[in-house]
């Protein structure tokens, strides 16, 4: 890899952007493809599939053999609310390889004893997210049932383009949430990205089962999402 490609790859890593080191195994030449870059039409499907799966692979295209070395940012899960569901979800998500952050200003809930080994912040989301911003490789899970705590991070996640935004609550609760977010000028397309009621519909009842449904939906969304359109630099 030449110095320019190494620098571009490192820049992408620092910016938490997905990238592929694309090497022509015949000639040895390589290039860096950042998610959203334009690529040859013959390579487009393979590049998009690699960015979704995160798996490096070799492909044959038009008589050439290429190796796609995929570099995805570690996916984050930010959980708003230090509740029973969060206790189980944080443990499972960590085992599945996700970085986890829990935010809850309610100090009676956000105690280290309840979340051993988990990154926990007992502060308001509006303050925490200034220093630890969301990004496209973050899943936002809001589970407090308190609009004063949940609404800001949900709106911020939609604005930033988090790959997953989920919120706990009944359909009636979610309808009221949507009205508040509309009043906050969140557009309808963005509102349609909220998973609510949260999680896959598996009949989950207990906090542990709901956590399973949430994590499964996060993984499904991460691995099946549409990657940035070719040429989209936003």
C-alpha atoms as a PDB file:
ATOM      1  CA  UNK A   1       0.000   0.000   0.000  1.00  0.00           C
ATOM      2  CA  UNK A   2       1.421   3.379  -0.934  1.00  0.00           C
ATOM      3  CA  UNK A   3       1.668   6.237   1.561  1.00  0.00           C
ATOM      4  CA  UNK A   4      -1.260   8.184   0.114  1.00  0.00           C
ATOM      5  CA  UNK A   5      -3.620   5.222   0.410  1.00  0.00           C
ATOM      6  CA  UNK A   6      -2.449   4.487   3.945  1.00  0.00           C
ATOM      7  CA  UNK A   7      -3.081   8.110   4.914  1.00  0.00           C
ATOM      8  CA  UNK A   8      -6.568   8.038   3.373  1.00  0.00           C
ATOM      9  CA  UNK A   9      -7.404   4.791   5.158  1.00  0.00           C
ATOM     10  CA  UNK A  10      -6.210   6.175   8.485  1.00  0.00           C
ATOM     11  CA  UNK A  11      -8.233   9.351   7.932  1.00  0.00           C
ATOM     12  CA  UNK A  12     -11.339   7.219   7.388  1.00  0.00           C
ATOM     13  CA  UNK A  13     -10.672   5.263  10.570  1.00  0.00           C
ATOM     14  CA  UNK A  14     -10.286   8.420  12.635  1.00  0.00           C
ATOM     15  CA  UNK A  15     -13.503   9.816  11.181  1.00  0.00           C
ATOM     16  CA  UNK A  16     -15.353   6.506  11.834  1.00  0.00           C
ATOM     17  CA  UNK A  17     -16.130   6.040   8.151  1.00  0.00           C
ATOM     18  CA  UNK A  18     -16.251   2.641   6.471  1.00  0.00           C
ATOM     19  CA  UNK A  19     -13.549   1.958   3.896  1.00  0.00           C
ATOM     20  CA  UNK A  20     -12.232  -0.802   1.649  1.00  0.00           C
ATOM     21  CA  UNK A  21      -8.663  -1.318   0.498  1.00  0.00           C
ATOM     22  CA  UNK A  22      -9.266  -2.597  -3.033  1.00  0.00           C
ATOM     23  CA  UNK A  23      -6.306  -4.514  -4.465  1.00  0.00           C
ATOM     24  CA  UNK A  24      -5.941  -5.831  -8.015  1.00  0.00           C
ATOM     25  CA  UNK A  25      -4.262  -9.167  -7.307  1.00  0.00           C
ATOM     26  CA  UNK A  26      -2.898  -9.338 -10.848  1.00  0.00           C
ATOM     27  CA  UNK A  27      -1.123  -6.003 -10.992  1.00  0.00           C
ATOM     28  CA  UNK A  28      -0.721  -5.399  -7.269  1.00  0.00           C
ATOM     29  CA  UNK A  29      -2.163  -1.890  -7.568  1.00  0.00           C
ATOM     30  CA  UNK A  30      -4.518  -0.764  -4.851  1.00  0.00           C
ATOM     31  CA  UNK A  31      -6.930   2.021  -3.988  1.00  0.00           C
ATOM     32  CA  UNK A  32      -9.047   3.064  -1.037  1.00  0.00           C
ATOM     33  CA  UNK A  33     -12.827   3.203  -1.410  1.00  0.00           C
ATOM     34  CA  UNK A  34     -14.628   5.210   1.273  1.00  0.00           C
ATOM     35  CA  UNK A  35     -18.291   4.402   1.806  1.00  0.00           C
ATOM     36  CA  UNK A  36     -20.167   6.684  -0.589  1.00  0.00           C
ATOM     37  CA  UNK A  37     -17.327   6.931  -3.139  1.00  0.00           C
ATOM     38  CA  UNK A  38     -18.007   6.279  -6.803  1.00  0.00           C
ATOM     39  CA  UNK A  39     -16.705   2.916  -8.038  1.00  0.00           C
ATOM     40  CA  UNK A  40     -16.706   1.039 -11.322  1.00  0.00           C
ATOM     41  CA  UNK A  41     -20.246  -0.269 -12.017  1.00  0.00           C
ATOM     42  CA  UNK A  42     -18.875  -3.815 -12.268  1.00  0.00           C
ATOM     43  CA  UNK A  43     -17.571  -3.546  -8.689  1.00  0.00           C
ATOM     44  CA  UNK A  44     -20.527  -1.738  -7.155  1.00  0.00           C
ATOM     45  CA  UNK A  45     -22.530  -4.754  -5.927  1.00  0.00           C
ATOM     46  CA  UNK A  46     -19.480  -6.432  -4.407  1.00  0.00           C
ATOM     47  CA  UNK A  47     -18.372  -3.247  -2.664  1.00  0.00           C
ATOM     48  CA  UNK A  48     -21.838  -2.613  -1.210  1.00  0.00           C
ATOM     49  CA  UNK A  49     -22.144  -6.231  -0.037  1.00  0.00           C
ATOM     50  CA  UNK A  50     -18.736  -6.044   1.649  1.00  0.00           C
ATOM     51  CA  UNK A  51     -19.639  -2.797   3.395  1.00  0.00           C
ATOM     52  CA  UNK A  52     -22.826  -4.367   4.732  1.00  0.00           C
ATOM     53  CA  UNK A  53     -21.251  -7.610   5.930  1.00  0.00           C
ATOM     54  CA  UNK A  54     -17.936  -6.229   7.110  1.00  0.00           C
ATOM     55  CA  UNK A  55     -16.229  -9.317   5.667  1.00  0.00           C
ATOM     56  CA  UNK A  56     -13.101  -9.089   3.524  1.00  0.00           C
ATOM     57  CA  UNK A  57     -13.296 -11.175   0.371  1.00  0.00           C
ATOM     58  CA  UNK A  58     -11.754 -11.944  -3.030  1.00  0.00           C
ATOM     59  CA  UNK A  59     -13.847 -11.482  -6.175  1.00  0.00           C
ATOM     60  CA  UNK A  60     -13.455 -12.075  -9.914  1.00  0.00           C
ATOM     61  CA  UNK A  61     -14.706  -9.293 -12.191  1.00  0.00           C
ATOM     62  CA  UNK A  62     -14.159  -8.964 -15.948  1.00  0.00           C
ATOM     63  CA  UNK A  63     -11.120 -11.232 -15.944  1.00  0.00           C
ATOM     64  CA  UNK A  64      -9.519  -9.498 -12.969  1.00  0.00           C
ATOM     65  CA  UNK A  65      -9.213 -10.828  -9.427  1.00  0.00           C
ATOM     66  CA  UNK A  66      -9.563  -8.309  -6.614  1.00  0.00           C
ATOM     67  CA  UNK A  67      -9.226  -8.516  -2.861  1.00  0.00           C
ATOM     68  CA  UNK A  68     -11.540  -6.303  -0.813  1.00  0.00           C
ATOM     69  CA  UNK A  69     -10.036  -5.651   2.614  1.00  0.00           C
ATOM     70  CA  UNK A  70     -12.922  -4.147   4.605  1.00  0.00           C
ATOM     71  CA  UNK A  71     -12.447  -1.695   7.465  1.00  0.00           C
ATOM     72  CA  UNK A  72     -15.668  -0.891   9.331  1.00  0.00           C
ATOM     73  CA  UNK A  73     -15.800   1.364  12.386  1.00  0.00           C
ATOM     74  CA  UNK A  74     -16.697  -0.589  15.553  1.00  0.00           C
ATOM     75  CA  UNK A  75     -20.466  -0.310  15.891  1.00  0.00           C
ATOM     76  CA  UNK A  76     -21.706   1.524  18.972  1.00  0.00           C
ATOM     77  CA  UNK A  77     -24.940   1.064  20.876  1.00  0.00           C
ATOM     78  CA  UNK A  78     -25.998   4.064  22.935  1.00  0.00           C
ATOM     79  CA  UNK A  79     -28.741   3.169  25.397  1.00  0.00           C
ATOM     80  CA  UNK A  80     -30.792   5.992  26.877  1.00  0.00           C
ATOM     81  CA  UNK A  81     -32.056   4.716  30.203  1.00  0.00           C
ATOM     82  CA  UNK A  82     -30.467   2.569  32.913  1.00  0.00           C
ATOM     83  CA  UNK A  83     -33.449   0.224  33.268  1.00  0.00           C
ATOM     84  CA  UNK A  84     -33.805  -3.556  33.620  1.00  0.00           C
ATOM     85  CA  UNK A  85     -33.834  -4.054  29.845  1.00  0.00           C
ATOM     86  CA  UNK A  86     -30.590  -2.087  29.609  1.00  0.00           C
ATOM     87  CA  UNK A  87     -28.848  -4.353  32.123  1.00  0.00           C
ATOM     88  CA  UNK A  88     -29.399  -7.401  29.918  1.00  0.00           C
ATOM     89  CA  UNK A  89     -28.997  -5.618  26.581  1.00  0.00           C
ATOM     90  CA  UNK A  90     -25.649  -4.111  27.579  1.00  0.00           C
ATOM     91  CA  UNK A  91     -24.224  -7.497  28.516  1.00  0.00           C
ATOM     92  CA  UNK A  92     -25.479  -9.236  25.376  1.00  0.00           C
ATOM     93  CA  UNK A  93     -24.384  -6.403  23.100  1.00  0.00           C
ATOM     94  CA  UNK A  94     -20.882  -6.451  24.569  1.00  0.00           C
ATOM     95  CA  UNK A  95     -20.648 -10.210  23.962  1.00  0.00           C
ATOM     96  CA  UNK A  96     -21.768  -9.606  20.358  1.00  0.00           C
ATOM     97  CA  UNK A  97     -18.872  -7.185  19.850  1.00  0.00           C
ATOM     98  CA  UNK A  98     -20.637  -3.841  20.202  1.00  0.00           C
ATOM     99  CA  UNK A  99     -19.268  -0.914  22.182  1.00  0.00           C
ATOM    100  CA  UNK A 100     -21.970   0.118  24.650  1.00  0.00           C
ATOM    101  CA  UNK A 101     -22.683   3.425  26.367  1.00  0.00           C
ATOM    102  CA  UNK A 102     -25.584   3.921  28.783  1.00  0.00           C
ATOM    103  CA  UNK A 103     -26.812   7.441  29.548  1.00  0.00           C
ATOM    104  CA  UNK A 104     -29.323   8.255  32.284  1.00  0.00           C
ATOM    105  CA  UNK A 105     -29.440  11.396  34.431  1.00  0.00           C
ATOM    106  CA  UNK A 106     -31.404   9.563  37.127  1.00  0.00           C
ATOM    107  CA  UNK A 107     -28.721   8.649  39.634  1.00  0.00           C
ATOM    108  CA  UNK A 108     -31.011   6.182  41.409  1.00  0.00           C
ATOM    109  CA  UNK A 109     -30.936   4.051  38.236  1.00  0.00           C
ATOM    110  CA  UNK A 110     -27.501   4.853  36.809  1.00  0.00           C
ATOM    111  CA  UNK A 111     -25.374   3.175  39.471  1.00  0.00           C
ATOM    112  CA  UNK A 112     -22.105   1.324  38.791  1.00  0.00           C
ATOM    113  CA  UNK A 113     -23.304  -1.616  40.895  1.00  0.00           C
ATOM    114  CA  UNK A 114     -26.128  -2.290  38.422  1.00  0.00           C
ATOM    115  CA  UNK A 115     -23.872  -2.033  35.354  1.00  0.00           C
ATOM    116  CA  UNK A 116     -20.550  -3.601  36.249  1.00  0.00           C
ATOM    117  CA  UNK A 117     -17.998  -3.215  33.467  1.00  0.00           C
ATOM    118  CA  UNK A 118     -20.336  -1.083  31.325  1.00  0.00           C
ATOM    119  CA  UNK A 119     -19.629   2.484  30.205  1.00  0.00           C
ATOM    120  CA  UNK A 120     -22.253   4.383  32.205  1.00  0.00           C
ATOM    121  CA  UNK A 121     -22.852   8.129  32.419  1.00  0.00           C
ATOM    122  CA  UNK A 122     -25.276   9.669  34.935  1.00  0.00           C
ATOM    123  CA  UNK A 123     -25.938  12.883  33.042  1.00  0.00           C
ATOM    124  CA  UNK A 124     -28.397  14.384  30.568  1.00  0.00           C
ATOM    125  CA  UNK A 125     -28.085  13.118  26.973  1.00  0.00           C
ATOM    126  CA  UNK A 126     -27.932  16.666  25.608  1.00  0.00           C
ATOM    127  CA  UNK A 127     -24.744  17.211  27.610  1.00  0.00           C
ATOM    128  CA  UNK A 128     -23.140  13.794  27.076  1.00  0.00           C
ATOM    129  CA  UNK A 129     -23.646  13.789  23.302  1.00  0.00           C
ATOM    130  CA  UNK A 130     -21.817  17.094  22.900  1.00  0.00           C
ATOM    131  CA  UNK A 131     -18.578  15.343  23.828  1.00  0.00           C
ATOM    132  CA  UNK A 132     -19.473  11.861  22.602  1.00  0.00           C
ATOM    133  CA  UNK A 133     -21.423  12.462  19.399  1.00  0.00           C
ATOM    134  CA  UNK A 134     -23.516   9.897  17.576  1.00  0.00           C
ATOM    135  CA  UNK A 135     -22.621   8.801  14.040  1.00  0.00           C
ATOM    136  CA  UNK A 136     -23.728   6.510  11.222  1.00  0.00           C
ATOM    137  CA  UNK A 137     -22.286   3.459  12.985  1.00  0.00           C
ATOM    138  CA  UNK A 138     -24.267   4.068  16.172  1.00  0.00           C
ATOM    139  CA  UNK A 139     -27.519   2.403  17.212  1.00  0.00           C
ATOM    140  CA  UNK A 140     -29.651   4.555  19.510  1.00  0.00           C
ATOM    141  CA  UNK A 141     -31.943   2.733  21.949  1.00  0.00           C
ATOM    142  CA  UNK A 142     -34.296   4.908  24.030  1.00  0.00           C
ATOM    143  CA  UNK A 143     -36.011   3.074  26.896  1.00  0.00           C
ATOM    144  CA  UNK A 144     -36.782   5.520  29.709  1.00  0.00           C
ATOM    145  CA  UNK A 145     -40.427   6.301  28.790  1.00  0.00           C
ATOM    146  CA  UNK A 146     -39.586   9.892  29.795  1.00  0.00           C
ATOM    147  CA  UNK A 147     -39.827  12.455  26.959  1.00  0.00           C
ATOM    148  CA  UNK A 148     -37.522  14.829  28.812  1.00  0.00           C
ATOM    149  CA  UNK A 149     -34.769  12.220  28.556  1.00  0.00           C
ATOM    150  CA  UNK A 150     -35.601  10.288  25.367  1.00  0.00           C
ATOM    151  CA  UNK A 151     -36.745  12.914  22.873  1.00  0.00           C
ATOM    152  CA  UNK A 152     -33.507  14.829  22.375  1.00  0.00           C
ATOM    153  CA  UNK A 153     -31.280  11.801  21.632  1.00  0.00           C
ATOM    154  CA  UNK A 154     -33.930  10.342  19.308  1.00  0.00           C
ATOM    155  CA  UNK A 155     -34.094  13.571  17.322  1.00  0.00           C
ATOM    156  CA  UNK A 156     -30.289  13.823  17.305  1.00  0.00           C
ATOM    157  CA  UNK A 157     -29.916  10.220  16.113  1.00  0.00           C
ATOM    158  CA  UNK A 158     -32.305  10.884  13.234  1.00  0.00           C
ATOM    159  CA  UNK A 159     -30.483  14.092  12.325  1.00  0.00           C
ATOM    160  CA  UNK A 160     -27.063  12.419  12.362  1.00  0.00           C
ATOM    161  CA  UNK A 161     -28.225   9.311  10.499  1.00  0.00           C
ATOM    162  CA  UNK A 162     -27.633   6.570  13.071  1.00  0.00           C
ATOM    163  CA  UNK A 163     -28.069   3.183  11.411  1.00  0.00           C
ATOM    164  CA  UNK A 164     -30.711   2.210  13.983  1.00  0.00           C
ATOM    165  CA  UNK A 165     -33.085   4.267  16.124  1.00  0.00           C
ATOM    166  CA  UNK A 166     -35.439   2.409  18.447  1.00  0.00           C
ATOM    167  CA  UNK A 167     -37.770   3.588  21.205  1.00  0.00           C
ATOM    168  CA  UNK A 168     -39.666   1.681  23.868  1.00  0.00           C
ATOM    169  CA  UNK A 169     -43.375   2.276  24.304  1.00  0.00           C
ATOM    170  CA  UNK A 170     -46.834   1.357  23.101  1.00  0.00           C
ATOM    171  CA  UNK A 171     -48.278   2.563  19.827  1.00  0.00           C
ATOM    172  CA  UNK A 172     -50.192   5.247  21.740  1.00  0.00           C
ATOM    173  CA  UNK A 173     -46.983   6.372  23.448  1.00  0.00           C
ATOM    174  CA  UNK A 174     -45.173   6.430  20.123  1.00  0.00           C
ATOM    175  CA  UNK A 175     -47.943   8.454  18.460  1.00  0.00           C
ATOM    176  CA  UNK A 176     -47.531  11.117  21.143  1.00  0.00           C
ATOM    177  CA  UNK A 177     -43.737  10.961  20.651  1.00  0.00           C
ATOM    178  CA  UNK A 178     -44.127  11.541  16.915  1.00  0.00           C
ATOM    179  CA  UNK A 179     -46.248  14.625  17.532  1.00  0.00           C
ATOM    180  CA  UNK A 180     -43.603  16.078  19.824  1.00  0.00           C
ATOM    181  CA  UNK A 181     -40.859  15.378  17.293  1.00  0.00           C
ATOM    182  CA  UNK A 182     -42.920  16.923  14.491  1.00  0.00           C
ATOM    183  CA  UNK A 183     -43.279  20.025  16.649  1.00  0.00           C
ATOM    184  CA  UNK A 184     -39.483  19.963  16.896  1.00  0.00           C
ATOM    185  CA  UNK A 185     -39.360  20.027  13.056  1.00  0.00           C
ATOM    186  CA  UNK A 186     -38.249  16.442  12.500  1.00  0.00           C
ATOM    187  CA  UNK A 187     -39.432  15.470   9.004  1.00  0.00           C
ATOM    188  CA  UNK A 188     -41.705  12.548   8.199  1.00  0.00           C
ATOM    189  CA  UNK A 189     -39.064  10.518   6.375  1.00  0.00           C
ATOM    190  CA  UNK A 190     -36.841  10.624   9.429  1.00  0.00           C
ATOM    191  CA  UNK A 191     -39.712   9.765  11.776  1.00  0.00           C
ATOM    192  CA  UNK A 192     -40.412   6.691   9.688  1.00  0.00           C
ATOM    193  CA  UNK A 193     -36.966   5.329  10.622  1.00  0.00           C
ATOM    194  CA  UNK A 194     -37.865   4.944  14.299  1.00  0.00           C
ATOM    195  CA  UNK A 195     -38.462   1.347  15.346  1.00  0.00           C
ATOM    196  CA  UNK A 196     -41.371   1.546  17.757  1.00  0.00           C
ATOM    197  CA  UNK A 197     -42.541  -0.578  19.436  1.00  0.00           C
ATOM    198  CA  UNK A 198     -38.863  -1.452  19.664  1.00  0.00           C
ATOM    199  CA  UNK A 199     -37.322  -4.775  18.624  1.00  0.00           C
ATOM    200  CA  UNK A 200     -38.260  -7.667  16.382  1.00  0.00           C
ATOM    201  CA  UNK A 201     -41.779  -8.962  16.864  1.00  0.00           C
ATOM    202  CA  UNK A 202     -41.008 -12.263  18.622  1.00  0.00           C
ATOM    203  CA  UNK A 203     -43.619 -12.018  21.367  1.00  0.00           C
ATOM    204  CA  UNK A 204     -41.052 -10.806  23.900  1.00  0.00           C
ATOM    205  CA  UNK A 205     -42.476 -10.187  27.376  1.00  0.00           C
ATOM    206  CA  UNK A 206     -39.735 -10.128  30.024  1.00  0.00           C
ATOM    207  CA  UNK A 207     -36.918  -7.548  30.106  1.00  0.00           C
ATOM    208  CA  UNK A 208     -34.462 -10.233  28.957  1.00  0.00           C
ATOM    209  CA  UNK A 209     -36.668 -11.254  26.030  1.00  0.00           C
ATOM    210  CA  UNK A 210     -37.172  -7.629  25.006  1.00  0.00           C
ATOM    211  CA  UNK A 211     -33.391  -7.157  25.102  1.00  0.00           C
ATOM    212  CA  UNK A 212     -33.001 -10.171  22.782  1.00  0.00           C
ATOM    213  CA  UNK A 213     -35.546  -8.666  20.366  1.00  0.00           C
ATOM    214  CA  UNK A 214     -33.776  -5.294  20.394  1.00  0.00           C
ATOM    215  CA  UNK A 215     -30.299  -6.693  19.814  1.00  0.00           C
ATOM    216  CA  UNK A 216     -31.562  -8.956  17.030  1.00  0.00           C
ATOM    217  CA  UNK A 217     -33.166  -5.990  15.281  1.00  0.00           C
ATOM    218  CA  UNK A 218     -29.978  -3.927  15.650  1.00  0.00           C
ATOM    219  CA  UNK A 219     -27.881  -6.691  14.070  1.00  0.00           C
ATOM    220  CA  UNK A 220     -30.432  -7.185  11.300  1.00  0.00           C
ATOM    221  CA  UNK A 221     -30.453  -3.465  10.532  1.00  0.00           C
ATOM    222  CA  UNK A 222     -26.653  -3.195  10.564  1.00  0.00           C
ATOM    223  CA  UNK A 223     -26.169  -6.113   8.193  1.00  0.00           C
ATOM    224  CA  UNK A 224     -29.011  -5.406   5.765  1.00  0.00           C
ATOM    225  CA  UNK A 225     -28.949  -1.604   5.659  1.00  0.00           C
ATOM    226  CA  UNK A 226     -28.595   0.295   2.410  1.00  0.00           C
ATOM    227  CA  UNK A 227     -25.063   1.673   2.177  1.00  0.00           C
ATOM    228  CA  UNK A 228     -24.502   5.265   1.084  1.00  0.00           C
ATOM    229  CA  UNK A 229     -25.512   5.791  -2.565  1.00  0.00           C
ATOM    230  CA  UNK A 230     -22.652   5.811  -5.028  1.00  0.00           C
ATOM    231  CA  UNK A 231     -21.312   9.313  -5.264  1.00  0.00           C
ATOM    232  CA  UNK A 232     -23.126  10.533  -2.135  1.00  0.00           C
ATOM    233  CA  UNK A 233     -20.535  12.501  -0.168  1.00  0.00           C
ATOM    234  CA  UNK A 234     -22.849  13.765   2.559  1.00  0.00           C
END
